[in-house]
C-alpha atoms as a PDB file:
ATOM      1  CA  MET A   1     109.282 -18.521 204.225  1.00  0.00           C
ATOM      2  CA  THR A   2     111.992 -21.167 203.369  1.00  0.00           C
ATOM      3  CA  LEU A   3     111.807 -22.561 199.807  1.00  0.00           C
ATOM      4  CA  ALA A   4     112.065 -26.449 199.723  1.00  0.00           C
ATOM      5  CA  THR A   5     114.752 -28.251 197.924  1.00  0.00           C
ATOM      6  CA  CYS A   6     113.773 -30.669 195.239  1.00  0.00           C
ATOM      7  CA  ASP A   7     114.341 -34.201 195.971  1.00  0.00           C
ATOM      8  CA  LEU A   8     113.696 -36.052 192.549  1.00  0.00           C
ATOM      9  CA  ARG A   9     115.570 -39.421 193.614  1.00  0.00           C
ATOM     10  CA  GLU A  10     118.043 -38.946 191.033  1.00  0.00           C
ATOM     11  CA  ILE A  11     119.688 -42.133 189.647  1.00  0.00           C
ATOM     12  CA  VAL A  12     121.897 -42.795 186.616  1.00  0.00           C
ATOM     13  CA  ASN A  13     120.079 -45.488 184.370  1.00  0.00           C
ATOM     14  CA  LYS A  14     122.864 -47.516 183.079  1.00  0.00           C
ATOM     15  CA  LYS A  15     120.745 -48.869 180.328  1.00  0.00           C
ATOM     16  CA  CYS A  16     119.851 -45.525 178.775  1.00  0.00           C
ATOM     17  CA  ILE A  17     121.479 -45.285 175.242  1.00  0.00           C
ATOM     18  CA  LYS A  18     121.719 -41.390 175.797  1.00  0.00           C
ATOM     19  CA  ASN A  19     121.740 -38.538 173.175  1.00  0.00           C
ATOM     20  CA  CYS A  20     119.079 -40.185 171.045  1.00  0.00           C
ATOM     21  CA  ASN A  21     118.307 -37.952 168.124  1.00  0.00           C
ATOM     22  CA  PRO A  22     114.723 -37.457 166.837  1.00  0.00           C
ATOM     23  CA  GLU A  23     114.914 -40.275 164.395  1.00  0.00           C
ATOM     24  CA  LYS A  24     116.429 -42.740 167.061  1.00  0.00           C
ATOM     25  CA  ARG A  25     113.613 -41.776 169.553  1.00  0.00           C
ATOM     26  CA  LYS A  26     111.050 -42.754 166.945  1.00  0.00           C
ATOM     27  CA  GLU A  27     112.632 -46.485 167.217  1.00  0.00           C
ATOM     28  CA  THR A  28     113.260 -46.434 170.910  1.00  0.00           C
ATOM     29  CA  THR A  29     110.044 -44.866 172.354  1.00  0.00           C
ATOM     30  CA  ASN A  30     106.375 -45.060 172.143  1.00  0.00           C
ATOM     31  CA  ASN A  31     104.568 -41.830 172.944  1.00  0.00           C
ATOM     32  CA  ASP A  32     108.024 -40.627 174.658  1.00  0.00           C
ATOM     33  CA  ILE A  33     107.720 -43.853 176.975  1.00  0.00           C
ATOM     34  CA  CYS A  34     111.230 -45.509 176.590  1.00  0.00           C
ATOM     35  CA  LYS A  35     111.132 -49.261 175.036  1.00  0.00           C
ATOM     36  CA  VAL A  36     114.894 -49.724 175.836  1.00  0.00           C
ATOM     37  CA  THR A  37     114.894 -49.474 179.604  1.00  0.00           C
ATOM     38  CA  LYS A  38     112.710 -49.174 182.762  1.00  0.00           C
ATOM     39  CA  SER A  39     113.241 -47.386 186.060  1.00  0.00           C
ATOM     40  CA  GLN A  40     115.958 -48.676 188.088  1.00  0.00           C
ATOM     41  CA  LEU A  41     114.081 -47.387 191.088  1.00  0.00           C
ATOM     42  CA  ASP A  42     110.788 -49.175 190.662  1.00  0.00           C
ATOM     43  CA  GLU A  43     111.038 -51.286 187.203  1.00  0.00           C
ATOM     44  CA  LEU A  44     108.213 -49.303 185.796  1.00  0.00           C
ATOM     45  CA  PRO A  45     108.346 -47.471 182.403  1.00  0.00           C
ATOM     46  CA  VAL A  46     109.945 -44.016 182.080  1.00  0.00           C
ATOM     47  CA  ARG A  47     109.456 -41.058 179.882  1.00  0.00           C
ATOM     48  CA  CYS A  48     112.230 -39.781 177.818  1.00  0.00           C
ATOM     49  CA  VAL A  49     112.712 -36.026 178.189  1.00  0.00           C
ATOM     50  CA  GLY A  50     115.169 -33.214 177.532  1.00  0.00           C
ATOM     51  CA  ASP A  51     117.412 -32.072 180.269  1.00  0.00           C
ATOM     52  CA  TRP A  52     115.538 -28.747 180.518  1.00  0.00           C
ATOM     53  CA  ALA A  53     112.547 -30.815 182.200  1.00  0.00           C
ATOM     54  CA  TYR A  54     114.478 -30.273 185.565  1.00  0.00           C
ATOM     55  CA  GLN A  55     113.967 -26.624 185.375  1.00  0.00           C
ATOM     56  CA  LYS A  56     110.141 -27.063 184.821  1.00  0.00           C
ATOM     57  CA  ILE A  57     109.879 -29.628 187.629  1.00  0.00           C
ATOM     58  CA  TYR A  58     111.830 -27.377 190.153  1.00  0.00           C
ATOM     59  CA  ARG A  59     110.027 -24.235 189.297  1.00  0.00           C
ATOM     60  CA  LEU A  60     106.676 -25.992 189.779  1.00  0.00           C
ATOM     61  CA  ASN A  61     107.776 -27.445 193.130  1.00  0.00           C
ATOM     62  CA  GLN A  62     108.838 -24.129 194.288  1.00  0.00           C
ATOM     63  CA  TYR A  63     105.515 -22.441 193.752  1.00  0.00           C
ATOM     64  CA  PHE A  64     103.565 -25.413 195.003  1.00  0.00           C
ATOM     65  CA  GLY A  65     105.623 -25.206 198.418  1.00  0.00           C
ATOM     66  CA  ILE A  66     104.581 -21.491 198.997  1.00  0.00           C
ATOM     67  CA  PHE A  67     101.022 -21.992 197.707  1.00  0.00           C
ATOM     68  CA  SER A  68     100.273 -24.843 200.030  1.00  0.00           C
ATOM     69  CA  ASN A  69     101.899 -23.613 202.983  1.00  0.00           C
ATOM     70  CA  SER A  70     100.319 -20.192 202.853  1.00  0.00           C
ATOM     71  CA  MET A  71      96.801 -21.133 201.749  1.00  0.00           C
ATOM     72  CA  LYS A  72      96.413 -24.255 203.880  1.00  0.00           C
ATOM     73  CA  ASN A  73      94.234 -22.572 206.545  1.00  0.00           C
ATOM     74  CA  MET A  74      92.420 -20.170 204.416  1.00  0.00           C
ATOM     75  CA  TRP A  75      90.085 -22.425 202.283  1.00  0.00           C
ATOM     76  CA  ASN A  76      87.926 -25.386 202.598  1.00  0.00           C
ATOM     77  CA  GLY A  77      90.659 -27.400 201.153  1.00  0.00           C
ATOM     78  CA  LEU A  78      93.322 -27.107 198.469  1.00  0.00           C
ATOM     79  CA  ASN A  79      93.351 -29.413 195.367  1.00  0.00           C
ATOM     80  CA  TYR A  80      96.051 -30.104 192.817  1.00  0.00           C
ATOM     81  CA  ILE A  81      95.244 -30.889 189.301  1.00  0.00           C
ATOM     82  CA  GLU A  82      97.687 -31.834 186.436  1.00  0.00           C
ATOM     83  CA  LEU A  83      96.800 -32.125 182.740  1.00  0.00           C
ATOM     84  CA  CYS A  84      99.088 -34.270 180.539  1.00  0.00           C
ATOM     85  CA  SER A  85     100.590 -35.702 183.614  1.00  0.00           C
ATOM     86  CA  GLY A  86     102.932 -38.469 182.211  1.00  0.00           C
ATOM     87  CA  PRO A  87     103.824 -41.699 183.944  1.00  0.00           C
ATOM     88  CA  GLY A  88     105.523 -39.948 187.010  1.00  0.00           C
ATOM     89  CA  ARG A  89     109.241 -40.955 186.296  1.00  0.00           C
ATOM     90  CA  CYS A  90     111.283 -39.704 183.504  1.00  0.00           C
ATOM     91  CA  ILE A  91     114.847 -40.020 182.072  1.00  0.00           C
ATOM     92  CA  LEU A  92     116.993 -37.170 180.863  1.00  0.00           C
ATOM     93  CA  ARG A  93     118.047 -38.288 177.167  1.00  0.00           C
ATOM     94  CA  LYS A  94     121.348 -36.408 177.283  1.00  0.00           C
ATOM     95  CA  THR A  95     122.712 -37.735 180.579  1.00  0.00           C
ATOM     96  CA  GLY A  96     120.681 -41.047 181.282  1.00  0.00           C
ATOM     97  CA  GLU A  97     119.777 -39.502 184.696  1.00  0.00           C
ATOM     98  CA  GLU A  98     116.498 -40.707 186.074  1.00  0.00           C
ATOM     99  CA  ILE A  99     114.350 -38.430 188.061  1.00  0.00           C
ATOM    100  CA  ASP A 100     110.746 -37.897 189.433  1.00  0.00           C
ATOM    101  CA  GLY A 101     108.587 -36.237 186.818  1.00  0.00           C
ATOM    102  CA  THR A 102     106.175 -33.467 187.929  1.00  0.00           C
ATOM    103  CA  SER A 103     103.396 -35.807 189.419  1.00  0.00           C
ATOM    104  CA  LEU A 104     105.680 -37.897 191.675  1.00  0.00           C
ATOM    105  CA  SER A 105     107.646 -34.663 192.746  1.00  0.00           C
ATOM    106  CA  ILE A 106     104.371 -32.848 193.729  1.00  0.00           C
ATOM    107  CA  LEU A 107     103.121 -36.176 195.447  1.00  0.00           C
ATOM    108  CA  ARG A 108     106.416 -36.404 197.589  1.00  0.00           C
ATOM    109  CA  HIS A 109     106.632 -32.672 198.256  1.00  0.00           C
ATOM    110  CA  PRO A 110     106.909 -31.993 202.024  1.00  0.00           C
ATOM    111  CA  SER A 111     103.902 -29.865 201.738  1.00  0.00           C
ATOM    112  CA  PHE A 112     101.635 -32.328 199.815  1.00  0.00           C
ATOM    113  CA  ASN A 113      99.926 -33.464 203.269  1.00  0.00           C
ATOM    114  CA  PHE A 114      98.116 -29.890 202.824  1.00  0.00           C
ATOM    115  CA  ILE A 115      96.306 -31.034 199.753  1.00  0.00           C
ATOM    116  CA  LYS A 116      92.883 -32.407 200.085  1.00  0.00           C
ATOM    117  CA  LYS A 117      92.692 -34.059 196.699  1.00  0.00           C
ATOM    118  CA  ALA A 118      95.100 -34.436 193.611  1.00  0.00           C
ATOM    119  CA  ILE A 119      93.934 -35.608 190.363  1.00  0.00           C
ATOM    120  CA  PHE A 120      96.491 -36.377 187.400  1.00  0.00           C
ATOM    121  CA  ILE A 121      94.807 -36.418 183.972  1.00  0.00           C
ATOM    122  CA  ASP A 122      96.380 -37.930 180.728  1.00  0.00           C
ATOM    123  CA  ASN A 123      94.805 -39.141 177.442  1.00  0.00           C
ATOM    124  CA  ASP A 124      97.003 -42.394 177.203  1.00  0.00           C
ATOM    125  CA  GLU A 125      95.651 -45.242 179.220  1.00  0.00           C
ATOM    126  CA  THR A 126      98.889 -46.977 179.583  1.00  0.00           C
ATOM    127  CA  ILE A 127     100.555 -44.073 181.187  1.00  0.00           C
ATOM    128  CA  ILE A 128      97.596 -43.574 183.623  1.00  0.00           C
ATOM    129  CA  LYS A 129      97.998 -47.300 184.606  1.00  0.00           C
ATOM    130  CA  ILE A 130     101.716 -46.729 185.192  1.00  0.00           C
ATOM    131  CA  LEU A 131     101.269 -43.509 187.323  1.00  0.00           C
ATOM    132  CA  ASN A 132      98.381 -45.254 189.370  1.00  0.00           C
ATOM    133  CA  LYS A 133     100.873 -47.949 190.179  1.00  0.00           C
ATOM    134  CA  ARG A 134     103.621 -45.507 191.471  1.00  0.00           C
ATOM    135  CA  ILE A 135     100.890 -43.618 193.305  1.00  0.00           C
ATOM    136  CA  LYS A 136      99.876 -46.980 195.146  1.00  0.00           C
ATOM    137  CA  GLN A 137     103.650 -47.584 195.911  1.00  0.00           C
ATOM    138  CA  LEU A 138     103.633 -44.342 197.751  1.00  0.00           C
ATOM    139  CA  SER A 139     100.507 -45.416 199.762  1.00  0.00           C
ATOM    140  CA  ILE A 140      98.839 -42.179 198.979  1.00  0.00           C
ATOM    141  CA  ASN A 141      95.031 -42.304 199.113  1.00  0.00           C
ATOM    142  CA  ASN A 142      93.724 -38.975 198.298  1.00  0.00           C
ATOM    143  CA  ALA A 143      95.441 -38.821 194.686  1.00  0.00           C
ATOM    144  CA  TYR A 144      94.799 -40.881 191.502  1.00  0.00           C
ATOM    145  CA  GLY A 145      95.425 -40.556 187.652  1.00  0.00           C
ATOM    146  CA  VAL A 146      92.591 -40.801 185.428  1.00  0.00           C
ATOM    147  CA  LEU A 147      92.134 -41.001 181.700  1.00  0.00           C
ATOM    148  CA  GLY A 148      91.026 -37.663 180.123  1.00  0.00           C
ATOM    149  CA  ASN A 149      91.353 -35.400 177.115  1.00  0.00           C
ATOM    150  CA  TYR A 150      91.725 -31.644 177.251  1.00  0.00           C
ATOM    151  CA  ASN A 151      89.733 -31.376 174.083  1.00  0.00           C
ATOM    152  CA  ASN A 152      86.680 -32.913 175.764  1.00  0.00           C
ATOM    153  CA  LEU A 153      85.038 -30.692 178.160  1.00  0.00           C
ATOM    154  CA  ASP A 154      82.391 -32.999 179.145  1.00  0.00           C
ATOM    155  CA  ILE A 155      84.933 -35.548 180.322  1.00  0.00           C
ATOM    156  CA  LEU A 156      86.740 -32.838 182.296  1.00  0.00           C
ATOM    157  CA  GLU A 157      83.559 -31.620 183.943  1.00  0.00           C
ATOM    158  CA  ASP A 158      82.805 -35.267 185.089  1.00  0.00           C
ATOM    159  CA  ILE A 159      86.372 -35.604 186.472  1.00  0.00           C
ATOM    160  CA  PHE A 160      86.016 -32.178 188.212  1.00  0.00           C
ATOM    161  CA  SER A 161      82.669 -33.089 189.753  1.00  0.00           C
ATOM    162  CA  ASN A 162      84.568 -35.002 192.587  1.00  0.00           C
ATOM    163  CA  LEU A 163      86.041 -31.690 193.876  1.00  0.00           C
ATOM    164  CA  LYS A 164      83.998 -29.163 195.672  1.00  0.00           C
ATOM    165  CA  LYS A 165      83.877 -25.806 194.237  1.00  0.00           C
ATOM    166  CA  ASP A 166      84.501 -23.749 197.495  1.00  0.00           C
ATOM    167  CA  THR A 167      88.309 -25.021 197.458  1.00  0.00           C
ATOM    168  CA  LEU A 168      91.269 -23.420 195.945  1.00  0.00           C
ATOM    169  CA  ASN A 169      92.877 -25.106 193.176  1.00  0.00           C
ATOM    170  CA  LEU A 170      96.341 -25.295 191.466  1.00  0.00           C
ATOM    171  CA  ILE A 171      96.267 -26.474 187.835  1.00  0.00           C
ATOM    172  CA  PHE A 172      99.371 -27.498 186.165  1.00  0.00           C
ATOM    173  CA  ILE A 173      98.961 -27.938 182.294  1.00  0.00           C
ATOM    174  CA  ASP A 174     102.055 -29.655 180.435  1.00  0.00           C
ATOM    175  CA  PRO A 175     101.227 -30.341 176.938  1.00  0.00           C
ATOM    176  CA  THR A 176     104.099 -31.160 174.284  1.00  0.00           C
ATOM    177  CA  ASP A 177     102.817 -28.657 171.804  1.00  0.00           C
ATOM    178  CA  CYS A 178     100.554 -25.540 171.391  1.00  0.00           C
ATOM    179  CA  SER A 179      97.371 -27.819 171.235  1.00  0.00           C
ATOM    180  CA  VAL A 180      95.337 -27.078 174.626  1.00  0.00           C
ATOM    181  CA  PRO A 181      92.260 -25.108 173.392  1.00  0.00           C
ATOM    182  CA  PHE A 182      91.822 -21.661 175.032  1.00  0.00           C
ATOM    183  CA  GLU A 183      88.211 -22.782 175.583  1.00  0.00           C
ATOM    184  CA  THR A 184      89.508 -25.447 177.891  1.00  0.00           C
ATOM    185  CA  ILE A 185      91.276 -22.771 180.058  1.00  0.00           C
ATOM    186  CA  LYS A 186      88.178 -20.603 180.057  1.00  0.00           C
ATOM    187  CA  PHE A 187      86.127 -23.677 181.055  1.00  0.00           C
ATOM    188  CA  ILE A 188      88.364 -24.514 183.969  1.00  0.00           C
ATOM    189  CA  LYS A 189      88.447 -20.940 185.257  1.00  0.00           C
ATOM    190  CA  LYS A 190      84.665 -20.659 185.014  1.00  0.00           C
ATOM    191  CA  TYR A 191      84.071 -24.060 186.654  1.00  0.00           C
ATOM    192  CA  PHE A 192      86.507 -23.633 189.629  1.00  0.00           C
ATOM    193  CA  ARG A 193      86.459 -19.638 189.993  1.00  0.00           C
ATOM    194  CA  ASN A 194      89.331 -19.966 192.620  1.00  0.00           C
ATOM    195  CA  VAL A 195      92.142 -21.243 190.439  1.00  0.00           C
ATOM    196  CA  ASP A 196      95.842 -20.542 189.696  1.00  0.00           C
ATOM    197  CA  PHE A 197      97.311 -21.900 186.506  1.00  0.00           C
ATOM    198  CA  ILE A 198     100.852 -23.013 185.708  1.00  0.00           C
ATOM    199  CA  MET A 199     101.144 -23.695 182.042  1.00  0.00           C
ATOM    200  CA  ASN A 200     103.762 -24.842 179.649  1.00  0.00           C
ATOM    201  CA  PHE A 201     103.887 -22.593 176.534  1.00  0.00           C
ATOM    202  CA  PRO A 202     105.904 -24.982 174.386  1.00  0.00           C
ATOM    203  CA  TYR A 203     106.593 -22.565 171.420  1.00  0.00           C
ATOM    204  CA  GLY A 204     109.848 -24.241 170.726  1.00  0.00           C
ATOM    205  CA  THR A 205     108.366 -27.593 169.664  1.00  0.00           C
ATOM    206  CA  ASP A 206     106.331 -26.560 166.607  1.00  0.00           C
ATOM    207  CA  LEU A 207     105.206 -22.921 166.926  1.00  0.00           C
ATOM    208  CA  ILE A 208     108.450 -21.147 166.122  1.00  0.00           C
ATOM    209  CA  ARG A 209     109.041 -23.344 162.960  1.00  0.00           C
ATOM    210  CA  ASN A 210     105.536 -22.827 161.603  1.00  0.00           C
ATOM    211  CA  ILE A 211     104.399 -19.412 162.650  1.00  0.00           C
ATOM    212  CA  LYS A 212     105.447 -17.500 159.545  1.00  0.00           C
ATOM    213  CA  ASN A 213     103.734 -20.105 157.344  1.00  0.00           C
ATOM    214  CA  VAL A 214     100.593 -19.999 159.466  1.00  0.00           C
ATOM    215  CA  ILE A 215     100.237 -16.242 159.214  1.00  0.00           C
ATOM    216  CA  LYS A 216     100.917 -16.214 155.492  1.00  0.00           C
ATOM    217  CA  ASN A 217      98.963 -19.293 154.256  1.00  0.00           C
ATOM    218  CA  PRO A 218      95.277 -19.531 155.339  1.00  0.00           C
ATOM    219  CA  PHE A 219      95.478 -23.220 154.392  1.00  0.00           C
ATOM    220  CA  TYR A 220      98.269 -24.252 156.510  1.00  0.00           C
ATOM    221  CA  PRO A 221      97.623 -27.476 158.321  1.00  0.00           C
ATOM    222  CA  SER A 222      98.442 -26.345 161.712  1.00  0.00           C
ATOM    223  CA  ARG A 223      96.534 -22.835 161.477  1.00  0.00           C
ATOM    224  CA  LYS A 224      93.345 -23.985 163.084  1.00  0.00           C
ATOM    225  CA  LYS A 225      95.132 -25.674 166.070  1.00  0.00           C
ATOM    226  CA  TYR A 226      96.943 -22.476 166.768  1.00  0.00           C
ATOM    227  CA  LEU A 227      93.851 -20.375 166.592  1.00  0.00           C
ATOM    228  CA  LYS A 228      92.029 -22.603 168.996  1.00  0.00           C
ATOM    229  CA  PHE A 229      95.045 -22.409 171.379  1.00  0.00           C
ATOM    230  CA  LEU A 230      95.293 -18.813 171.229  1.00  0.00           C
ATOM    231  CA  GLY A 231      91.545 -17.934 171.478  1.00  0.00           C
ATOM    232  CA  SER A 232      91.535 -15.236 168.954  1.00  0.00           C
ATOM    233  CA  GLU A 233      90.008 -16.497 165.606  1.00  0.00           C
ATOM    234  CA  ASP A 234      91.040 -13.304 163.632  1.00  0.00           C
ATOM    235  CA  TYR A 235      94.619 -12.914 164.875  1.00  0.00           C
ATOM    236  CA  PHE A 236      96.348 -14.204 161.716  1.00  0.00           C
ATOM    237  CA  GLU A 237      94.192 -12.012 159.657  1.00  0.00           C
ATOM    238  CA  ARG A 238      95.166  -8.747 161.320  1.00  0.00           C
ATOM    239  CA  ASP A 239      96.985  -6.392 159.180  1.00  0.00           C
ATOM    240  CA  GLU A 240      99.730  -5.785 161.817  1.00  0.00           C
ATOM    241  CA  VAL A 241     100.272  -9.341 162.188  1.00  0.00           C
ATOM    242  CA  LYS A 242     100.503  -9.885 158.471  1.00  0.00           C
ATOM    243  CA  ASN A 243     103.154  -7.026 158.107  1.00  0.00           C
ATOM    244  CA  LEU A 244     105.059  -8.314 160.939  1.00  0.00           C
ATOM    245  CA  ALA A 245     105.399 -11.656 159.278  1.00  0.00           C
ATOM    246  CA  GLU A 246     106.988  -9.955 156.307  1.00  0.00           C
ATOM    247  CA  SER A 247     109.585  -7.988 158.227  1.00  0.00           C
ATOM    248  CA  SER A 248     110.349  -9.795 161.525  1.00  0.00           C
ATOM    249  CA  THR A 249     111.851 -12.939 162.761  1.00  0.00           C
ATOM    250  CA  SER A 250     109.904 -15.963 163.896  1.00  0.00           C
ATOM    251  CA  GLN A 251     111.036 -15.212 167.495  1.00  0.00           C
ATOM    252  CA  LYS A 252     109.324 -11.686 167.392  1.00  0.00           C
ATOM    253  CA  LEU A 253     106.275 -13.295 166.005  1.00  0.00           C
ATOM    254  CA  VAL A 254     106.186 -15.861 168.758  1.00  0.00           C
ATOM    255  CA  LEU A 255     106.373 -12.891 171.262  1.00  0.00           C
ATOM    256  CA  GLY A 256     103.412 -11.211 169.571  1.00  0.00           C
ATOM    257  CA  PHE A 257     101.483 -14.345 169.780  1.00  0.00           C
ATOM    258  CA  PHE A 258     102.360 -14.743 173.460  1.00  0.00           C
ATOM    259  CA  LYS A 259     101.434 -11.230 174.281  1.00  0.00           C
ATOM    260  CA  GLU A 260      97.966 -11.899 172.486  1.00  0.00           C
ATOM    261  CA  TYR A 261      97.660 -15.167 174.604  1.00  0.00           C
ATOM    262  CA  LYS A 262      98.343 -13.321 177.948  1.00  0.00           C
ATOM    263  CA  GLU A 263      95.749 -10.594 177.036  1.00  0.00           C
ATOM    264  CA  ASN A 264      93.341 -13.302 176.385  1.00  0.00           C
ATOM    265  CA  LEU A 265      93.891 -14.817 179.792  1.00  0.00           C
ATOM    266  CA  GLU A 266      93.285 -11.176 181.299  1.00  0.00           C
ATOM    267  CA  SER A 267      89.951 -11.134 179.508  1.00  0.00           C
ATOM    268  CA  ILE A 268      88.664 -14.170 181.488  1.00  0.00           C
ATOM    269  CA  GLY A 269      89.820 -12.932 184.731  1.00  0.00           C
ATOM    270  CA  LEU A 270      93.515 -14.214 184.734  1.00  0.00           C
ATOM    271  CA  GLY A 271      95.266 -10.816 184.692  1.00  0.00           C
ATOM    272  CA  TYR A 272      98.043 -11.574 187.046  1.00  0.00           C
ATOM    273  CA  CYS A 273     100.611 -13.244 184.820  1.00  0.00           C
ATOM    274  CA  GLU A 274     104.201 -13.756 184.647  1.00  0.00           C
ATOM    275  CA  SER A 275     106.399 -16.284 182.845  1.00  0.00           C
ATOM    276  CA  GLU A 276     109.761 -17.880 183.213  1.00  0.00           C
ATOM    277  CA  GLN A 277     111.989 -18.993 180.060  1.00  0.00           C
ATOM    278  CA  VAL A 278     113.005 -22.484 180.117  1.00  0.00           C
ATOM    279  CA  LYS A 279     116.001 -22.734 177.628  1.00  0.00           C
ATOM    280  CA  ASN A 280     114.713 -22.107 174.038  1.00  0.00           C
ATOM    281  CA  TYR A 281     111.861 -24.536 174.229  1.00  0.00           C
ATOM    282  CA  TYR A 282     109.010 -23.056 176.292  1.00  0.00           C
ATOM    283  CA  MET A 283     107.882 -20.534 178.655  1.00  0.00           C
ATOM    284  CA  LEU A 284     106.238 -21.530 181.963  1.00  0.00           C
ATOM    285  CA  LEU A 285     103.389 -19.199 182.340  1.00  0.00           C
ATOM    286  CA  PHE A 286     101.786 -18.383 185.526  1.00  0.00           C
ATOM    287  CA  ALA A 287      98.241 -16.979 185.601  1.00  0.00           C
ATOM    288  CA  SER A 288      95.995 -16.163 188.448  1.00  0.00           C
ATOM    289  CA  GLY A 289      92.939 -13.849 189.097  1.00  0.00           C
ATOM    290  CA  HIS A 290      94.458 -12.475 192.407  1.00  0.00           C
ATOM    291  CA  SER A 291      97.478 -10.396 193.070  1.00  0.00           C
ATOM    292  CA  LYS A 292      98.510 -12.747 195.949  1.00  0.00           C
ATOM    293  CA  GLY A 293      99.000 -15.617 193.581  1.00  0.00           C
ATOM    294  CA  LEU A 294     101.521 -13.482 191.541  1.00  0.00           C
ATOM    295  CA  GLU A 295     103.241 -12.292 194.689  1.00  0.00           C
ATOM    296  CA  PHE A 296     103.889 -16.032 195.556  1.00  0.00           C
ATOM    297  CA  TRP A 297     104.937 -16.891 192.146  1.00  0.00           C
ATOM    298  CA  LYS A 298     107.477 -14.094 191.995  1.00  0.00           C
ATOM    299  CA  LYS A 299     108.936 -15.122 195.398  1.00  0.00           C
ATOM    300  CA  SER A 300     109.037 -18.679 194.377  1.00  0.00           C
ATOM    301  CA  GLN A 301     111.219 -17.977 191.400  1.00  0.00           C
ATOM    302  CA  ARG A 302     113.907 -15.921 192.914  1.00  0.00           C
ATOM    303  CA  ILE A 303     116.315 -18.820 193.225  1.00  0.00           C
ATOM    304  CA  ASN A 304     117.851 -20.070 189.782  1.00  0.00           C
ATOM    305  CA  PRO A 305     116.973 -23.764 189.359  1.00  0.00           C
ATOM    306  CA  ASN A 306     120.378 -24.454 188.003  1.00  0.00           C
ATOM    307  CA  GLU A 307     122.101 -23.202 190.927  1.00  0.00           C
ATOM    308  CA  GLN A 308     119.574 -24.934 193.220  1.00  0.00           C
ATOM    309  CA  ARG A 309     120.222 -28.095 191.316  1.00  0.00           C
ATOM    310  CA  GLU A 310     124.099 -27.972 192.080  1.00  0.00           C
ATOM    311  CA  ILE A 311     123.057 -27.883 195.822  1.00  0.00           C
ATOM    312  CA  ASP A 312     120.624 -30.683 195.479  1.00  0.00           C
ATOM    313  CA  PHE A 313     122.680 -33.071 193.505  1.00  0.00           C
ATOM    314  CA  SER A 314     125.549 -32.868 195.808  1.00  0.00           C
ATOM    315  CA  LEU A 315     123.716 -34.088 198.798  1.00  0.00           C
END
């Protein structure tokens, strides 16, 4: 099976300031949407991202190609659902290079025609409006963006009610921090039954900076958020975890946290897990209830995205 290349419609945005530090980005963005420039491709707003975003988009697309091609005739339909979708187009802050984000890259993927329905969920109404404009430009009628929040299971259930339960579903969850409650993952797994997850585990944005304080201080502000994310209420109270916080690095503490997360996924029927490191910012975690899903994931990740990017960008 041939892996598809990633055509992200790359273009250098000449109005991008480039190399904005965190303080500068507070001035030039709103919810990471750039206020300085718009897309040179469609004149719609773009999201400012780090250059590592390409790796995430690439790896998602590689799995999507194998998933959709291999499963297209084996179910009563395939669905793609994305939580924290973004506006569809982003700009790499280091280079000023503008590319399709995860949502548009999936919609433009050669194998998207095997998908019965695609739903893109974000908690920002402005972002959903931008994304729906881009979907309309592509003349795709089986995909849409919808306002939703991963903390509100009633809203998610209402959104999911448009999908039949005898389908196979691929869920991509892409938060900016460790804030998606484990109960949300548990709910989605129970609701659909037949589902593969690809999740951004963004430990580098906040968890690695806070984890020692979170373990040592029961009143630390982020403690409840991380416990909800992890799905283990007693984790920070365990003696072995407390002892580790006294003697180990934050990196080792994050790895222990990640191990616990994968064990919790296994407890709800998602025992086939594997992750790919994306720089020092996050892990892209695949989780499935079936060995075939993990087989597809491993196969899809054989080609290094940086090597593939060199090929794609020279076309």
